[in-house]
């Protein structure tokens, strides 16, 4: 992804622990219809999921690529990681960590 004019206040409100991508585009299988799928994990939040997602989109304003962003708390992510067909399990198997650890 290109450098963006991100809103640091949006990122600071999220307190991001990690960010991963698990999309065809990240695996170098780029096509004209591919986008970036991002999973952002935060320590905890009183905000509803849709509001966390909005903050993440706001923080990446200016990145001119197609993207889907989900922001889950670490608890939401960890509760599903053991389920083989879940999004967290797929990210742990096939994803690429792009921030944090």
N, C-alpha and C. Protein backbone atom coordinates (compact mmCIF):
# COMPACT_ATOMS: atom_id res chain seq x y z
N UNK A 1 0.83 -1.17 0.00
CA UNK A 1 0.00 0.00 0.00
C UNK A 1 0.88 1.24 0.00
N UNK A 2 0.40 2.24 -0.66
CA UNK A 2 1.13 3.50 -0.69
C UNK A 2 1.03 4.23 0.64
N UNK A 3 2.00 5.11 0.83
CA UNK A 3 1.97 5.95 2.03
C UNK A 3 0.68 6.76 2.03
N UNK A 4 0.09 6.90 3.18
CA UNK A 4 -1.19 7.60 3.23
C UNK A 4 -1.12 8.78 4.19
N UNK A 5 -2.10 9.63 4.03
CA UNK A 5 -2.28 10.75 4.96
C UNK A 5 -3.26 10.26 6.02
N UNK A 6 -2.78 9.43 6.90
CA UNK A 6 -3.68 8.85 7.89
C UNK A 6 -3.94 9.81 9.03
N UNK A 7 -5.03 9.59 9.67
CA UNK A 7 -5.39 10.40 10.82
C UNK A 7 -4.83 9.74 12.07
N UNK A 8 -3.79 10.33 12.64
CA UNK A 8 -3.18 9.72 13.82
C UNK A 8 -4.15 9.69 14.99
N UNK A 9 -5.09 10.62 15.04
CA UNK A 9 -6.05 10.60 16.14
C UNK A 9 -6.95 9.37 16.04
N UNK A 10 -7.32 8.96 14.82
CA UNK A 10 -8.12 7.75 14.65
C UNK A 10 -7.33 6.52 15.10
N UNK A 11 -6.06 6.42 14.70
CA UNK A 11 -5.25 5.28 15.12
C UNK A 11 -5.04 5.27 16.61
N UNK A 12 -4.79 6.43 17.21
CA UNK A 12 -4.55 6.46 18.65
C UNK A 12 -5.80 6.08 19.43
N UNK A 13 -6.96 6.38 18.91
CA UNK A 13 -8.21 5.98 19.59
C UNK A 13 -8.39 4.47 19.54
N UNK A 14 -7.79 3.81 18.56
CA UNK A 14 -7.93 2.36 18.44
C UNK A 14 -6.89 1.59 19.25
N UNK A 15 -5.73 2.16 19.54
CA UNK A 15 -4.65 1.46 20.27
C UNK A 15 -4.35 0.11 19.63
N UNK A 16 -3.96 0.13 18.39
CA UNK A 16 -3.76 -1.08 17.59
C UNK A 16 -2.67 -1.97 18.19
N UNK A 17 -2.99 -3.26 18.38
CA UNK A 17 -2.02 -4.27 18.80
C UNK A 17 -1.35 -4.90 17.60
N UNK A 18 -2.16 -5.25 16.60
CA UNK A 18 -1.62 -5.88 15.40
C UNK A 18 -2.54 -5.63 14.21
N UNK A 19 -1.96 -5.78 13.03
CA UNK A 19 -2.73 -5.69 11.79
C UNK A 19 -2.20 -6.76 10.86
N UNK A 20 -3.11 -7.49 10.24
CA UNK A 20 -2.74 -8.56 9.32
C UNK A 20 -3.56 -8.44 8.06
N UNK A 21 -3.02 -8.99 7.00
CA UNK A 21 -3.77 -9.07 5.76
C UNK A 21 -3.81 -10.51 5.30
N UNK A 22 -4.92 -10.88 4.74
CA UNK A 22 -5.10 -12.25 4.29
C UNK A 22 -5.90 -12.21 2.99
N UNK A 23 -5.36 -11.50 2.03
CA UNK A 23 -6.09 -11.32 0.77
C UNK A 23 -5.24 -11.79 -0.39
N UNK A 24 -5.89 -12.03 -1.51
CA UNK A 24 -5.17 -12.44 -2.71
C UNK A 24 -4.15 -11.38 -3.09
N UNK A 25 -4.50 -10.14 -2.91
CA UNK A 25 -3.59 -9.06 -3.27
C UNK A 25 -2.32 -9.10 -2.42
N UNK A 26 -2.45 -9.41 -1.16
CA UNK A 26 -1.28 -9.50 -0.27
C UNK A 26 -0.43 -10.72 -0.61
N UNK A 27 -1.04 -11.75 -1.19
CA UNK A 27 -0.30 -12.95 -1.58
C UNK A 27 0.27 -12.83 -2.99
N UNK A 28 0.28 -11.65 -3.53
CA UNK A 28 0.83 -11.36 -4.86
C UNK A 28 -0.01 -11.98 -5.98
N UNK A 29 -1.24 -12.36 -5.70
CA UNK A 29 -2.15 -12.86 -6.72
C UNK A 29 -3.03 -11.70 -7.14
N UNK A 30 -2.40 -10.67 -7.60
CA UNK A 30 -3.12 -9.43 -7.89
C UNK A 30 -3.91 -9.52 -9.18
N UNK A 31 -5.11 -9.02 -9.10
CA UNK A 31 -5.96 -8.92 -10.26
C UNK A 31 -6.69 -7.60 -10.19
N UNK A 32 -7.35 -7.23 -11.26
CA UNK A 32 -8.01 -5.92 -11.29
C UNK A 32 -9.14 -5.79 -10.27
N UNK A 33 -9.70 -6.90 -9.82
CA UNK A 33 -10.82 -6.84 -8.88
C UNK A 33 -10.43 -7.18 -7.44
N UNK A 34 -9.14 -7.37 -7.20
CA UNK A 34 -8.70 -7.73 -5.86
C UNK A 34 -8.55 -6.50 -4.97
N UNK A 35 -8.84 -6.70 -3.69
CA UNK A 35 -8.66 -5.63 -2.72
C UNK A 35 -7.77 -6.15 -1.59
N UNK A 36 -7.45 -5.27 -0.66
CA UNK A 36 -6.74 -5.65 0.55
C UNK A 36 -7.76 -5.94 1.63
N UNK A 37 -7.63 -7.07 2.29
CA UNK A 37 -8.47 -7.41 3.43
C UNK A 37 -7.60 -7.26 4.67
N UNK A 38 -7.96 -6.36 5.55
CA UNK A 38 -7.17 -6.08 6.74
C UNK A 38 -7.94 -6.44 8.00
N UNK A 39 -7.26 -7.14 8.90
CA UNK A 39 -7.79 -7.43 10.23
C UNK A 39 -6.93 -6.67 11.22
N UNK A 40 -7.54 -5.76 11.93
CA UNK A 40 -6.86 -4.96 12.94
C UNK A 40 -7.34 -5.46 14.30
N UNK A 41 -6.39 -5.75 15.19
CA UNK A 41 -6.74 -6.24 16.53
C UNK A 41 -6.37 -5.16 17.55
N UNK A 42 -7.33 -4.84 18.40
CA UNK A 42 -7.13 -3.84 19.44
C UNK A 42 -7.31 -4.52 20.80
N UNK A 43 -6.73 -3.94 21.87
CA UNK A 43 -6.80 -4.61 23.17
C UNK A 43 -8.21 -4.75 23.73
N UNK A 44 -9.02 -3.81 23.54
CA UNK A 44 -10.38 -3.81 24.06
C UNK A 44 -11.02 -2.51 23.64
N UNK A 45 -12.33 -2.45 23.67
CA UNK A 45 -12.99 -1.22 23.24
C UNK A 45 -14.43 -1.22 23.72
N UNK A 46 -14.88 -0.05 24.11
CA UNK A 46 -16.28 0.13 24.44
C UNK A 46 -17.10 0.48 23.21
N UNK A 47 -16.42 0.74 22.10
CA UNK A 47 -17.11 1.10 20.86
C UNK A 47 -17.68 -0.14 20.19
N UNK A 48 -18.83 -0.02 19.53
CA UNK A 48 -19.33 -1.15 18.75
C UNK A 48 -18.40 -1.41 17.55
N UNK A 49 -18.43 -2.63 17.05
CA UNK A 49 -17.55 -3.02 15.95
C UNK A 49 -17.62 -2.10 14.75
N UNK A 50 -18.83 -1.70 14.36
CA UNK A 50 -18.96 -0.85 13.17
C UNK A 50 -18.25 0.49 13.38
N UNK A 51 -18.26 1.00 14.61
CA UNK A 51 -17.61 2.29 14.88
C UNK A 51 -16.08 2.14 14.84
N UNK A 52 -15.57 1.01 15.36
CA UNK A 52 -14.13 0.75 15.26
C UNK A 52 -13.71 0.66 13.80
N UNK A 53 -14.52 -0.02 12.99
CA UNK A 53 -14.23 -0.13 11.55
C UNK A 53 -14.19 1.27 10.91
N UNK A 54 -15.14 2.13 11.27
CA UNK A 54 -15.18 3.49 10.73
C UNK A 54 -13.91 4.26 11.08
N UNK A 55 -13.44 4.11 12.31
CA UNK A 55 -12.20 4.78 12.71
C UNK A 55 -11.02 4.30 11.88
N UNK A 56 -10.96 2.99 11.61
CA UNK A 56 -9.87 2.44 10.81
C UNK A 56 -9.93 2.97 9.38
N UNK A 57 -11.13 3.02 8.80
CA UNK A 57 -11.25 3.58 7.45
C UNK A 57 -10.83 5.05 7.46
N UNK A 58 -11.20 5.78 8.49
CA UNK A 58 -10.79 7.18 8.60
C UNK A 58 -9.29 7.33 8.71
N UNK A 59 -8.66 6.42 9.44
CA UNK A 59 -7.22 6.48 9.62
C UNK A 59 -6.48 6.19 8.31
N UNK A 60 -7.11 5.44 7.42
CA UNK A 60 -6.48 5.11 6.13
C UNK A 60 -7.03 5.95 4.99
N UNK A 61 -7.69 7.02 5.34
CA UNK A 61 -8.17 7.95 4.32
C UNK A 61 -6.97 8.41 3.50
N UNK A 62 -7.08 8.39 2.22
CA UNK A 62 -5.98 8.80 1.36
C UNK A 62 -5.23 7.63 0.74
N UNK A 63 -5.44 6.43 1.27
CA UNK A 63 -4.84 5.24 0.65
C UNK A 63 -5.76 4.86 -0.50
N UNK A 64 -5.27 5.03 -1.70
CA UNK A 64 -6.13 4.88 -2.87
C UNK A 64 -6.06 3.48 -3.45
N UNK A 65 -6.39 2.50 -2.61
CA UNK A 65 -6.55 1.11 -3.05
C UNK A 65 -7.84 0.59 -2.44
N UNK A 66 -8.43 -0.40 -3.09
CA UNK A 66 -9.63 -1.01 -2.54
C UNK A 66 -9.24 -1.77 -1.29
N UNK A 67 -10.04 -1.62 -0.23
CA UNK A 67 -9.71 -2.26 1.03
C UNK A 67 -10.97 -2.57 1.82
N UNK A 68 -10.93 -3.68 2.53
CA UNK A 68 -11.95 -4.05 3.50
C UNK A 68 -11.23 -4.13 4.84
N UNK A 69 -11.78 -3.49 5.86
CA UNK A 69 -11.12 -3.45 7.16
C UNK A 69 -12.09 -3.90 8.24
N UNK A 70 -11.62 -4.82 9.06
CA UNK A 70 -12.36 -5.23 10.25
C UNK A 70 -11.49 -4.93 11.45
N UNK A 71 -12.10 -4.40 12.51
CA UNK A 71 -11.38 -4.13 13.75
C UNK A 71 -12.06 -4.95 14.84
N UNK A 72 -11.33 -5.92 15.37
CA UNK A 72 -11.84 -6.77 16.44
C UNK A 72 -11.00 -6.57 17.69
N UNK A 73 -11.60 -6.77 18.84
CA UNK A 73 -10.82 -6.76 20.07
C UNK A 73 -10.03 -8.06 20.14
N UNK A 74 -8.99 -8.08 20.96
CA UNK A 74 -8.20 -9.31 21.10
C UNK A 74 -9.06 -10.44 21.64
N UNK A 75 -10.03 -10.12 22.49
CA UNK A 75 -10.93 -11.14 23.01
C UNK A 75 -11.81 -11.72 21.91
N UNK A 76 -12.37 -10.87 21.04
CA UNK A 76 -13.19 -11.35 19.92
C UNK A 76 -12.37 -12.24 19.00
N UNK A 77 -11.13 -11.85 18.73
CA UNK A 77 -10.24 -12.62 17.87
C UNK A 77 -9.89 -13.96 18.52
N UNK A 78 -9.48 -13.92 19.78
CA UNK A 78 -9.03 -15.13 20.47
C UNK A 78 -10.15 -16.14 20.67
N UNK A 79 -11.38 -15.67 20.87
CA UNK A 79 -12.51 -16.60 21.06
C UNK A 79 -12.77 -17.46 19.83
N UNK A 80 -12.33 -17.00 18.65
CA UNK A 80 -12.62 -17.73 17.40
C UNK A 80 -11.39 -18.40 16.79
N UNK A 81 -10.23 -18.13 17.31
CA UNK A 81 -9.00 -18.62 16.67
C UNK A 81 -8.91 -20.13 16.60
N UNK A 82 -9.54 -20.85 17.50
CA UNK A 82 -9.47 -22.32 17.51
C UNK A 82 -10.45 -22.96 16.50
N UNK A 83 -11.37 -22.19 15.97
CA UNK A 83 -12.34 -22.70 15.00
C UNK A 83 -11.69 -22.70 13.61
N UNK A 84 -11.46 -23.86 13.06
CA UNK A 84 -10.68 -24.02 11.83
C UNK A 84 -11.16 -23.16 10.68
N UNK A 85 -12.46 -23.01 10.52
CA UNK A 85 -12.99 -22.26 9.38
C UNK A 85 -13.24 -20.78 9.71
N UNK A 86 -12.82 -20.32 10.88
CA UNK A 86 -13.06 -18.93 11.26
C UNK A 86 -12.06 -18.00 10.60
N UNK A 87 -12.42 -16.74 10.55
CA UNK A 87 -11.53 -15.73 9.99
C UNK A 87 -10.21 -15.64 10.78
N UNK A 88 -10.25 -15.61 12.12
CA UNK A 88 -8.97 -15.58 12.85
C UNK A 88 -8.07 -16.79 12.55
N UNK A 89 -8.65 -17.98 12.46
CA UNK A 89 -7.84 -19.17 12.15
C UNK A 89 -7.23 -19.06 10.76
N UNK A 90 -7.99 -18.57 9.81
CA UNK A 90 -7.47 -18.39 8.44
C UNK A 90 -6.35 -17.37 8.43
N UNK A 91 -6.52 -16.28 9.16
CA UNK A 91 -5.48 -15.26 9.22
C UNK A 91 -4.22 -15.82 9.85
N UNK A 92 -4.35 -16.60 10.92
CA UNK A 92 -3.18 -17.19 11.57
C UNK A 92 -2.47 -18.18 10.66
N UNK A 93 -3.23 -18.90 9.84
CA UNK A 93 -2.64 -19.89 8.90
C UNK A 93 -2.03 -19.25 7.66
N UNK A 94 -2.78 -18.32 7.06
CA UNK A 94 -2.43 -17.84 5.73
C UNK A 94 -2.10 -16.36 5.66
N UNK A 95 -2.36 -15.65 6.73
CA UNK A 95 -2.20 -14.20 6.71
C UNK A 95 -0.77 -13.74 6.82
N UNK A 96 -0.61 -12.47 6.62
CA UNK A 96 0.69 -11.83 6.71
C UNK A 96 0.59 -10.68 7.72
N UNK A 97 1.38 -10.78 8.78
CA UNK A 97 1.39 -9.74 9.80
C UNK A 97 2.08 -8.49 9.21
N UNK A 98 1.40 -7.36 9.27
CA UNK A 98 1.99 -6.14 8.71
C UNK A 98 2.26 -5.10 9.79
N UNK A 99 1.79 -5.36 11.02
CA UNK A 99 2.06 -4.43 12.12
C UNK A 99 1.90 -5.20 13.43
N UNK A 100 2.79 -4.96 14.36
CA UNK A 100 2.66 -5.52 15.70
C UNK A 100 3.12 -6.96 15.80
N UNK A 101 2.55 -7.65 16.75
CA UNK A 101 3.01 -9.01 16.96
C UNK A 101 2.16 -9.82 17.83
